[in-house]
């Protein structure tokens, strides 16, 4: 999945920028999610627009929140800054 695809998927799920969405919402397998987001996290020009967080709580009756290992750290959500569109 390329950066543009990630941004488009994020906007579709979040409804806009700055909203934390579960990493699982991108519809990728665990290994692919961890690999792709780790690559973006390692690139300074991209990573400054990505904000990972760990929020393992769920709403009662909701689906479980899956934690992914992004560069050695557990994360469940990501929020993107609107400024990322300048580098697409």
C-alpha atoms as a PDB file:
ATOM      1  CA  UNK A   1       0.000   0.000   0.000  1.00  0.00           C
ATOM      2  CA  UNK A   2       1.429   3.344  -1.035  1.00  0.00           C
ATOM      3  CA  UNK A   3       1.237   6.571   0.956  1.00  0.00           C
ATOM      4  CA  UNK A   4      -1.541   8.037  -1.183  1.00  0.00           C
ATOM      5  CA  UNK A   5      -3.628   4.901  -0.649  1.00  0.00           C
ATOM      6  CA  UNK A   6      -3.058   5.060   3.112  1.00  0.00           C
ATOM      7  CA  UNK A   7      -4.087   8.722   3.208  1.00  0.00           C
ATOM      8  CA  UNK A   8      -7.206   8.085   1.115  1.00  0.00           C
ATOM      9  CA  UNK A   9      -8.206   5.111   3.256  1.00  0.00           C
ATOM     10  CA  UNK A  10      -7.574   7.136   6.420  1.00  0.00           C
ATOM     11  CA  UNK A  11      -9.772  10.014   5.209  1.00  0.00           C
ATOM     12  CA  UNK A  12     -12.521   7.588   4.285  1.00  0.00           C
ATOM     13  CA  UNK A  13     -12.517   5.967   7.718  1.00  0.00           C
ATOM     14  CA  UNK A  14     -11.852   9.089   9.810  1.00  0.00           C
ATOM     15  CA  UNK A  15     -14.017  11.498   7.844  1.00  0.00           C
ATOM     16  CA  UNK A  16     -11.236  14.086   8.041  1.00  0.00           C
ATOM     17  CA  UNK A  17      -7.775  14.704   9.385  1.00  0.00           C
ATOM     18  CA  UNK A  18      -6.663  14.625  13.014  1.00  0.00           C
ATOM     19  CA  UNK A  19      -9.017  11.850  14.085  1.00  0.00           C
ATOM     20  CA  UNK A  20      -7.427   8.697  15.595  1.00  0.00           C
ATOM     21  CA  UNK A  21      -8.535   5.573  13.734  1.00  0.00           C
ATOM     22  CA  UNK A  22      -7.714   1.938  14.541  1.00  0.00           C
ATOM     23  CA  UNK A  23      -4.834   0.560  12.504  1.00  0.00           C
ATOM     24  CA  UNK A  24      -7.034  -2.465  11.866  1.00  0.00           C
ATOM     25  CA  UNK A  25      -9.381  -0.202   9.849  1.00  0.00           C
ATOM     26  CA  UNK A  26      -6.895  -0.194   6.970  1.00  0.00           C
ATOM     27  CA  UNK A  27      -7.880  -3.786   6.212  1.00  0.00           C
ATOM     28  CA  UNK A  28      -4.352  -5.193   6.076  1.00  0.00           C
ATOM     29  CA  UNK A  29      -2.930  -8.261   7.773  1.00  0.00           C
ATOM     30  CA  UNK A  30      -0.823  -7.848  10.918  1.00  0.00           C
ATOM     31  CA  UNK A  31       2.548  -8.278   9.174  1.00  0.00           C
ATOM     32  CA  UNK A  32       1.685  -5.902   6.346  1.00  0.00           C
ATOM     33  CA  UNK A  33       0.270  -3.279   8.727  1.00  0.00           C
ATOM     34  CA  UNK A  34       3.374  -3.408  10.920  1.00  0.00           C
ATOM     35  CA  UNK A  35       5.725  -3.316   7.931  1.00  0.00           C
ATOM     36  CA  UNK A  36       4.023  -0.468   6.060  1.00  0.00           C
ATOM     37  CA  UNK A  37       3.501   1.780   9.053  1.00  0.00           C
ATOM     38  CA  UNK A  38       7.020   1.077  10.344  1.00  0.00           C
ATOM     39  CA  UNK A  39       8.431   2.221   6.990  1.00  0.00           C
ATOM     40  CA  UNK A  40       6.381   5.427   7.118  1.00  0.00           C
ATOM     41  CA  UNK A  41       7.417   5.971  10.743  1.00  0.00           C
ATOM     42  CA  UNK A  42      11.113   5.715   9.815  1.00  0.00           C
ATOM     43  CA  UNK A  43      10.878   8.371   7.094  1.00  0.00           C
ATOM     44  CA  UNK A  44      11.174  11.837   8.663  1.00  0.00           C
ATOM     45  CA  UNK A  45       9.358  13.577   5.807  1.00  0.00           C
ATOM     46  CA  UNK A  46       6.367  11.272   6.281  1.00  0.00           C
ATOM     47  CA  UNK A  47       6.458  10.413   9.994  1.00  0.00           C
ATOM     48  CA  UNK A  48       5.966  14.002  11.157  1.00  0.00           C
ATOM     49  CA  UNK A  49       2.387  13.779   9.840  1.00  0.00           C
ATOM     50  CA  UNK A  50       1.640  10.439  11.529  1.00  0.00           C
ATOM     51  CA  UNK A  51       0.588  10.355  15.191  1.00  0.00           C
ATOM     52  CA  UNK A  52       0.435   6.855  16.630  1.00  0.00           C
ATOM     53  CA  UNK A  53      -1.292   6.093  19.912  1.00  0.00           C
ATOM     54  CA  UNK A  54      -2.097   3.165  22.154  1.00  0.00           C
ATOM     55  CA  UNK A  55      -5.741   3.027  23.149  1.00  0.00           C
ATOM     56  CA  UNK A  56      -6.567  -0.572  24.054  1.00  0.00           C
ATOM     57  CA  UNK A  57     -10.035   0.217  25.443  1.00  0.00           C
ATOM     58  CA  UNK A  58     -13.155  -0.625  23.519  1.00  0.00           C
ATOM     59  CA  UNK A  59     -16.764   0.386  23.753  1.00  0.00           C
ATOM     60  CA  UNK A  60     -18.974  -2.227  25.440  1.00  0.00           C
ATOM     61  CA  UNK A  61     -20.056  -4.702  22.784  1.00  0.00           C
ATOM     62  CA  UNK A  62     -17.609  -3.263  20.265  1.00  0.00           C
ATOM     63  CA  UNK A  63     -14.896  -5.144  18.408  1.00  0.00           C
ATOM     64  CA  UNK A  64     -11.617  -5.707  20.258  1.00  0.00           C
ATOM     65  CA  UNK A  65      -8.864  -3.201  19.569  1.00  0.00           C
ATOM     66  CA  UNK A  66      -5.756  -4.841  18.108  1.00  0.00           C
ATOM     67  CA  UNK A  67      -2.306  -3.512  19.008  1.00  0.00           C
ATOM     68  CA  UNK A  68       0.351  -3.545  16.308  1.00  0.00           C
ATOM     69  CA  UNK A  69       4.103  -3.251  16.788  1.00  0.00           C
ATOM     70  CA  UNK A  70       5.344  -0.224  14.892  1.00  0.00           C
ATOM     71  CA  UNK A  71       9.141  -0.031  15.122  1.00  0.00           C
ATOM     72  CA  UNK A  72       9.136  -1.911  18.410  1.00  0.00           C
ATOM     73  CA  UNK A  73       6.311   0.006  20.101  1.00  0.00           C
ATOM     74  CA  UNK A  74       2.679  -1.096  20.488  1.00  0.00           C
ATOM     75  CA  UNK A  75       0.092   1.130  18.815  1.00  0.00           C
ATOM     76  CA  UNK A  76      -3.609   0.715  18.152  1.00  0.00           C
ATOM     77  CA  UNK A  77      -4.485   3.975  16.385  1.00  0.00           C
ATOM     78  CA  UNK A  78      -3.070   6.549  14.009  1.00  0.00           C
ATOM     79  CA  UNK A  79      -4.108  10.123  13.258  1.00  0.00           C
ATOM     80  CA  UNK A  80      -2.836  12.024  10.226  1.00  0.00           C
ATOM     81  CA  UNK A  81      -2.253  15.747   9.808  1.00  0.00           C
ATOM     82  CA  UNK A  82      -3.857  17.450   6.802  1.00  0.00           C
ATOM     83  CA  UNK A  83      -0.460  18.803   5.760  1.00  0.00           C
ATOM     84  CA  UNK A  84       0.504  15.308   4.576  1.00  0.00           C
ATOM     85  CA  UNK A  85      -1.335  16.070   1.336  1.00  0.00           C
ATOM     86  CA  UNK A  86       1.476  18.485   0.420  1.00  0.00           C
ATOM     87  CA  UNK A  87       3.863  15.559  -0.100  1.00  0.00           C
ATOM     88  CA  UNK A  88       1.536  13.303  -2.097  1.00  0.00           C
END
